[in-house]
Every structure is written in C-alpha cells, then in structure tokens.
Amino acid sequence: MRNKSVFIKKAIEKLKDLDIDNFYFIDAKLKCPHCNKEFGIDKEFIGIVTCPYCGKYVEG
C-alpha cells in the first residue's frame, strides 16, 4: 500500500509541474471545489475525475 501512495504522490507532483507550464490545460477546465484550483482534462474524457492537486473527486 505504501508503494502505491508514493506513486500517486509522484504523479500528482508531475501534474503540478506540467500545470505550471500550462501544458495540462488540454480541452476543458475544471475547478476543484475542495482546493479551488483549476486543472484541465480532455473534453472527450469519460470516467471518474480526481483533482491532481488534492486527489479528491470532482464533478464535471
């Protein structure tokens, strides 16, 4: 379980780095109601969306 959480933390940090360069804003922007940060997703995406910053579920 510990390895999985380390992997998730590294993935979130990578997304934060990509977001700094405005790379992660792909087609659609969502705003997380938990941490109030905006992030992007592909507008064709179907599935569960979680915030890359706090990891909580975001409806969109």
N, C-alpha and C. Protein backbone atom coordinates (compact mmCIF):
# COMPACT_ATOMS: atom_id res chain seq x y z
N MET A 1 0.83 -1.19 0.00
CA MET A 1 0.00 0.00 0.00
C MET A 1 0.87 1.26 0.00
N ARG A 2 1.98 1.20 0.70
CA ARG A 2 2.87 2.36 0.79
C ARG A 2 3.44 2.71 -0.58
N ASN A 3 3.81 1.71 -1.39
CA ASN A 3 4.35 1.97 -2.72
C ASN A 3 3.33 2.67 -3.61
N LYS A 4 2.06 2.30 -3.45
CA LYS A 4 1.01 2.92 -4.26
C LYS A 4 0.86 4.40 -3.91
N SER A 5 0.93 4.74 -2.62
CA SER A 5 0.79 6.14 -2.22
C SER A 5 1.99 6.96 -2.68
N VAL A 6 3.17 6.37 -2.69
CA VAL A 6 4.36 7.08 -3.18
C VAL A 6 4.21 7.35 -4.67
N PHE A 7 3.71 6.37 -5.41
CA PHE A 7 3.49 6.53 -6.85
C PHE A 7 2.48 7.64 -7.12
N ILE A 8 1.39 7.66 -6.35
CA ILE A 8 0.36 8.69 -6.53
C ILE A 8 0.92 10.07 -6.22
N LYS A 9 1.70 10.19 -5.16
CA LYS A 9 2.29 11.49 -4.81
C LYS A 9 3.22 11.98 -5.91
N LYS A 10 4.01 11.07 -6.49
CA LYS A 10 4.92 11.46 -7.58
C LYS A 10 4.12 11.87 -8.81
N ALA A 11 3.04 11.17 -9.10
CA ALA A 11 2.20 11.51 -10.25
C ALA A 11 1.56 12.89 -10.06
N ILE A 12 1.10 13.18 -8.85
CA ILE A 12 0.50 14.49 -8.57
C ILE A 12 1.54 15.59 -8.71
N GLU A 13 2.76 15.35 -8.22
CA GLU A 13 3.82 16.35 -8.37
C GLU A 13 4.14 16.60 -9.84
N LYS A 14 4.14 15.53 -10.64
CA LYS A 14 4.42 15.68 -12.07
C LYS A 14 3.32 16.52 -12.73
N LEU A 15 2.07 16.28 -12.37
CA LEU A 15 0.97 17.06 -12.93
C LEU A 15 1.08 18.53 -12.53
N LYS A 16 1.51 18.79 -11.30
CA LYS A 16 1.69 20.17 -10.86
C LYS A 16 2.76 20.85 -11.69
N ASP A 17 3.86 20.13 -11.99
CA ASP A 17 4.92 20.70 -12.82
C ASP A 17 4.41 20.99 -14.22
N LEU A 18 3.64 20.07 -14.79
CA LEU A 18 3.09 20.28 -16.12
C LEU A 18 2.13 21.46 -16.13
N ASP A 19 1.36 21.61 -15.05
CA ASP A 19 0.39 22.69 -14.96
C ASP A 19 1.07 24.06 -14.91
N ILE A 20 2.24 24.14 -14.30
CA ILE A 20 2.98 25.40 -14.23
C ILE A 20 3.28 25.90 -15.64
N ASP A 21 3.56 24.99 -16.55
CA ASP A 21 3.86 25.35 -17.94
C ASP A 21 2.61 25.45 -18.80
N ASN A 22 1.45 25.42 -18.18
CA ASN A 22 0.16 25.46 -18.89
C ASN A 22 0.01 24.32 -19.88
N PHE A 23 0.65 23.21 -19.61
CA PHE A 23 0.57 22.05 -20.50
C PHE A 23 -0.65 21.21 -20.19
N TYR A 24 -1.06 21.20 -18.95
CA TYR A 24 -2.13 20.28 -18.54
C TYR A 24 -3.52 20.81 -18.88
N PHE A 25 -3.65 22.09 -19.26
CA PHE A 25 -4.94 22.60 -19.68
C PHE A 25 -5.19 22.14 -21.11
N ILE A 26 -5.85 21.03 -21.29
CA ILE A 26 -5.98 20.41 -22.60
C ILE A 26 -7.18 20.96 -23.36
N ASP A 27 -8.37 20.54 -23.05
CA ASP A 27 -9.56 20.98 -23.78
C ASP A 27 -10.61 21.60 -22.88
N ALA A 28 -10.73 21.12 -21.69
CA ALA A 28 -11.78 21.59 -20.78
C ALA A 28 -11.15 21.86 -19.41
N LYS A 29 -11.59 22.93 -18.78
CA LYS A 29 -11.09 23.26 -17.45
C LYS A 29 -12.13 22.88 -16.41
N LEU A 30 -11.65 22.35 -15.31
CA LEU A 30 -12.49 22.07 -14.15
C LEU A 30 -11.89 22.81 -12.97
N LYS A 31 -12.75 23.18 -12.03
CA LYS A 31 -12.27 23.81 -10.80
C LYS A 31 -12.64 22.92 -9.64
N CYS A 32 -11.65 22.56 -8.86
CA CYS A 32 -11.87 21.68 -7.71
C CYS A 32 -12.58 22.46 -6.60
N PRO A 33 -13.71 21.95 -6.10
CA PRO A 33 -14.41 22.64 -5.03
C PRO A 33 -13.71 22.50 -3.68
N HIS A 34 -12.75 21.58 -3.59
CA HIS A 34 -12.07 21.33 -2.32
C HIS A 34 -10.86 22.26 -2.13
N CYS A 35 -10.04 22.40 -3.19
CA CYS A 35 -8.84 23.24 -3.07
C CYS A 35 -8.89 24.49 -3.94
N ASN A 36 -9.98 24.65 -4.72
CA ASN A 36 -10.21 25.83 -5.58
C ASN A 36 -9.15 26.05 -6.65
N LYS A 37 -8.48 24.99 -7.09
CA LYS A 37 -7.51 25.11 -8.18
C LYS A 37 -8.13 24.60 -9.47
N GLU A 38 -7.77 25.23 -10.59
CA GLU A 38 -8.25 24.80 -11.89
C GLU A 38 -7.27 23.81 -12.50
N PHE A 39 -7.81 22.85 -13.23
CA PHE A 39 -6.98 21.91 -13.97
C PHE A 39 -7.73 21.50 -15.21
N GLY A 40 -7.04 20.94 -16.16
CA GLY A 40 -7.65 20.61 -17.44
C GLY A 40 -7.78 19.13 -17.68
N ILE A 41 -8.75 18.79 -18.51
CA ILE A 41 -8.93 17.41 -18.95
C ILE A 41 -9.27 17.43 -20.44
N ASP A 42 -9.17 16.29 -21.06
CA ASP A 42 -9.60 16.13 -22.45
C ASP A 42 -11.12 16.17 -22.45
N LYS A 43 -11.72 16.96 -23.33
CA LYS A 43 -13.18 17.12 -23.32
C LYS A 43 -13.91 15.84 -23.70
N GLU A 44 -13.22 14.88 -24.30
CA GLU A 44 -13.82 13.60 -24.67
C GLU A 44 -13.73 12.58 -23.53
N PHE A 45 -13.08 12.94 -22.43
CA PHE A 45 -12.84 12.01 -21.33
C PHE A 45 -14.14 11.57 -20.69
N ILE A 46 -14.24 10.27 -20.45
CA ILE A 46 -15.39 9.71 -19.74
C ILE A 46 -14.82 8.89 -18.58
N GLY A 47 -15.25 9.18 -17.38
CA GLY A 47 -14.78 8.44 -16.23
C GLY A 47 -14.77 9.30 -14.98
N ILE A 48 -14.16 8.78 -13.95
CA ILE A 48 -14.07 9.49 -12.68
C ILE A 48 -12.93 10.49 -12.76
N VAL A 49 -13.20 11.73 -12.38
CA VAL A 49 -12.19 12.77 -12.40
C VAL A 49 -11.79 13.09 -10.97
N THR A 50 -10.49 13.04 -10.72
CA THR A 50 -9.98 13.45 -9.41
C THR A 50 -9.02 14.62 -9.62
N CYS A 51 -8.99 15.49 -8.65
CA CYS A 51 -8.13 16.67 -8.71
C CYS A 51 -6.67 16.24 -8.62
N PRO A 52 -5.81 16.72 -9.54
CA PRO A 52 -4.40 16.36 -9.48
C PRO A 52 -3.67 17.03 -8.32
N TYR A 53 -4.29 18.01 -7.67
CA TYR A 53 -3.66 18.72 -6.57
C TYR A 53 -3.98 18.09 -5.22
N CYS A 54 -5.26 17.83 -4.96
CA CYS A 54 -5.63 17.29 -3.65
C CYS A 54 -6.09 15.84 -3.71
N GLY A 55 -6.38 15.33 -4.92
CA GLY A 55 -6.76 13.93 -5.08
C GLY A 55 -8.21 13.62 -4.78
N LYS A 56 -9.04 14.64 -4.57
CA LYS A 56 -10.44 14.40 -4.25
C LYS A 56 -11.30 14.39 -5.51
N TYR A 57 -12.47 13.77 -5.42
CA TYR A 57 -13.39 13.63 -6.55
C TYR A 57 -13.94 14.99 -6.98
N VAL A 58 -13.99 15.21 -8.30
CA VAL A 58 -14.51 16.46 -8.86
C VAL A 58 -15.59 16.12 -9.87
N GLU A 59 -16.76 16.72 -9.71
CA GLU A 59 -17.83 16.52 -10.69
C GLU A 59 -17.64 17.51 -11.82
N GLY A 60 -17.88 17.04 -13.05
CA GLY A 60 -17.68 17.97 -14.14
C GLY A 60 -18.46 17.69 -15.35
